[in-house]
């Protein structure tokens, strides 16, 4: 009989690992680190690569 490891959350800020079932989520559904409070949200202020316009296609 084999056992499978449960999914874990690995915080990029404080390097804590916790079972995903014990990690809270904010009101928008993004994960929040239970130790440091890091919220995994998309980078809204991310800029396109230098020298390329956002509408440029290859």
N, C-alpha and C. Protein backbone atom coordinates (compact mmCIF):
# COMPACT_ATOMS: atom_id res chain seq x y z
N UNK A 1 0.85 -1.18 0.00
CA UNK A 1 0.00 0.00 0.00
C UNK A 1 0.89 1.24 0.00
N UNK A 2 0.67 2.10 -0.94
CA UNK A 2 1.49 3.31 -1.02
C UNK A 2 0.74 4.50 -0.44
N UNK A 3 1.50 5.43 0.03
CA UNK A 3 0.90 6.67 0.53
C UNK A 3 1.40 7.82 -0.33
N UNK A 4 0.56 8.81 -0.50
CA UNK A 4 0.93 9.99 -1.28
C UNK A 4 1.09 11.17 -0.34
N UNK A 5 2.09 11.98 -0.61
CA UNK A 5 2.29 13.19 0.18
C UNK A 5 1.23 14.22 -0.19
N UNK A 6 0.72 14.91 0.81
CA UNK A 6 -0.25 15.96 0.56
C UNK A 6 0.44 17.16 -0.08
N UNK A 7 -0.33 17.96 -0.79
CA UNK A 7 0.21 19.17 -1.41
C UNK A 7 0.68 20.13 -0.31
N UNK A 8 1.76 20.83 -0.58
CA UNK A 8 2.29 21.78 0.39
C UNK A 8 2.41 23.17 -0.21
N UNK A 9 2.37 24.15 0.66
CA UNK A 9 2.61 25.55 0.29
C UNK A 9 4.02 25.87 0.71
N UNK A 10 4.83 26.38 -0.22
CA UNK A 10 6.21 26.79 0.07
C UNK A 10 6.30 28.29 -0.12
N UNK A 11 6.49 29.02 0.98
CA UNK A 11 6.54 30.48 0.94
C UNK A 11 7.86 30.96 0.33
N UNK A 12 7.80 31.82 -0.69
CA UNK A 12 9.03 32.35 -1.28
C UNK A 12 9.71 33.41 -0.41
N UNK A 13 9.01 33.95 0.57
CA UNK A 13 9.58 34.99 1.43
C UNK A 13 10.31 34.43 2.65
N UNK A 14 9.68 33.50 3.37
CA UNK A 14 10.28 33.02 4.62
C UNK A 14 10.65 31.54 4.58
N UNK A 15 10.50 30.89 3.42
CA UNK A 15 10.89 29.49 3.20
C UNK A 15 10.18 28.49 4.11
N UNK A 16 9.01 28.82 4.61
CA UNK A 16 8.24 27.86 5.41
C UNK A 16 7.48 26.93 4.46
N UNK A 17 7.34 25.68 4.85
CA UNK A 17 6.52 24.72 4.12
C UNK A 17 5.38 24.30 5.04
N UNK A 18 4.17 24.32 4.52
CA UNK A 18 3.00 23.95 5.31
C UNK A 18 2.03 23.18 4.43
N UNK A 19 1.28 22.26 5.00
CA UNK A 19 0.27 21.55 4.21
C UNK A 19 -0.72 22.56 3.63
N UNK A 20 -1.06 22.39 2.37
CA UNK A 20 -1.95 23.35 1.72
C UNK A 20 -3.31 23.44 2.38
N UNK A 21 -3.73 22.42 3.09
CA UNK A 21 -5.02 22.45 3.76
C UNK A 21 -5.02 23.34 5.00
N UNK A 22 -3.82 23.71 5.50
CA UNK A 22 -3.75 24.55 6.69
C UNK A 22 -3.40 26.00 6.39
N UNK A 23 -3.28 26.34 5.11
CA UNK A 23 -2.89 27.69 4.71
C UNK A 23 -4.14 28.52 4.42
N UNK A 24 -4.25 29.72 5.01
CA UNK A 24 -5.43 30.56 4.76
C UNK A 24 -5.36 31.25 3.39
N UNK A 25 -6.51 31.69 2.93
CA UNK A 25 -6.63 32.42 1.67
C UNK A 25 -7.30 33.76 1.94
N UNK A 26 -6.95 34.79 1.13
CA UNK A 26 -7.58 36.09 1.31
C UNK A 26 -8.95 36.10 0.63
N UNK A 27 -9.62 37.24 0.66
CA UNK A 27 -10.98 37.34 0.12
C UNK A 27 -11.05 37.14 -1.39
N UNK A 28 -9.93 37.29 -2.09
CA UNK A 28 -9.90 37.07 -3.53
C UNK A 28 -9.44 35.66 -3.89
N UNK A 29 -9.10 34.86 -2.89
CA UNK A 29 -8.70 33.48 -3.13
C UNK A 29 -7.21 33.26 -3.28
N UNK A 30 -6.40 34.27 -2.98
CA UNK A 30 -4.95 34.11 -3.04
C UNK A 30 -4.43 33.59 -1.71
N UNK A 31 -3.42 32.72 -1.79
CA UNK A 31 -2.87 32.11 -0.59
C UNK A 31 -2.11 33.14 0.25
N UNK A 32 -2.18 32.99 1.58
CA UNK A 32 -1.50 33.88 2.52
C UNK A 32 -0.64 33.02 3.43
N UNK A 33 0.64 33.34 3.53
CA UNK A 33 1.56 32.57 4.37
C UNK A 33 1.13 32.68 5.83
N UNK A 34 1.01 31.54 6.54
CA UNK A 34 0.59 31.58 7.94
C UNK A 34 1.67 32.10 8.88
N UNK A 35 2.91 32.21 8.41
CA UNK A 35 4.01 32.67 9.27
C UNK A 35 4.31 34.15 9.07
N UNK A 36 4.58 34.55 7.81
CA UNK A 36 5.01 35.93 7.57
C UNK A 36 3.92 36.82 6.95
N UNK A 37 2.82 36.24 6.50
CA UNK A 37 1.74 37.03 5.93
C UNK A 37 1.90 37.34 4.45
N UNK A 38 2.90 36.75 3.79
CA UNK A 38 3.10 36.94 2.36
C UNK A 38 1.83 36.54 1.61
N UNK A 39 1.38 37.37 0.69
CA UNK A 39 0.19 37.08 -0.11
C UNK A 39 0.62 36.86 -1.55
N UNK A 40 0.30 35.71 -2.09
CA UNK A 40 0.67 35.36 -3.46
C UNK A 40 -0.33 35.98 -4.42
N UNK A 41 -0.11 37.23 -4.79
CA UNK A 41 -0.98 37.94 -5.73
C UNK A 41 -0.23 38.19 -7.03
N UNK A 42 -0.94 38.38 -8.13
CA UNK A 42 -0.26 38.66 -9.39
C UNK A 42 0.45 40.01 -9.33
N UNK A 43 1.53 40.14 -10.09
CA UNK A 43 2.29 41.39 -10.12
C UNK A 43 1.59 42.39 -11.02
N UNK A 44 0.80 43.28 -10.45
CA UNK A 44 0.04 44.26 -11.23
C UNK A 44 0.95 45.31 -11.85
N UNK A 45 2.08 45.61 -11.22
CA UNK A 45 2.96 46.66 -11.72
C UNK A 45 4.07 46.15 -12.61
N UNK A 46 3.99 44.90 -13.07
CA UNK A 46 5.04 44.35 -13.90
C UNK A 46 5.10 45.07 -15.23
N UNK A 47 6.28 45.47 -15.63
CA UNK A 47 6.48 46.21 -16.87
C UNK A 47 6.96 45.28 -17.96
N UNK A 48 6.62 45.57 -19.23
CA UNK A 48 7.13 44.76 -20.33
C UNK A 48 8.64 44.88 -20.44
N UNK A 49 9.27 43.95 -21.12
CA UNK A 49 10.73 43.97 -21.27
C UNK A 49 11.18 45.26 -21.93
N UNK A 50 12.36 45.72 -21.55
CA UNK A 50 12.90 46.97 -22.10
C UNK A 50 13.07 46.85 -23.61
N UNK A 51 12.71 47.88 -24.32
CA UNK A 51 12.88 47.91 -25.76
C UNK A 51 11.75 47.27 -26.54
N UNK A 52 10.74 46.77 -25.86
CA UNK A 52 9.61 46.16 -26.55
C UNK A 52 8.34 46.84 -26.14
N UNK A 53 7.47 47.07 -27.08
CA UNK A 53 6.18 47.63 -26.73
C UNK A 53 5.24 46.50 -26.34
N UNK A 54 4.24 46.77 -25.50
CA UNK A 54 3.34 45.72 -25.06
C UNK A 54 2.54 45.09 -26.20
N UNK A 55 2.40 45.79 -27.32
CA UNK A 55 1.62 45.26 -28.44
C UNK A 55 2.48 44.62 -29.52
N UNK A 56 3.78 44.57 -29.30
CA UNK A 56 4.68 43.97 -30.30
C UNK A 56 4.45 42.49 -30.39
N UNK A 57 4.39 41.97 -31.61
CA UNK A 57 4.25 40.53 -31.78
C UNK A 57 5.37 40.01 -32.65
N UNK A 58 5.77 38.78 -32.38
CA UNK A 58 6.86 38.19 -33.16
C UNK A 58 6.33 37.28 -34.22
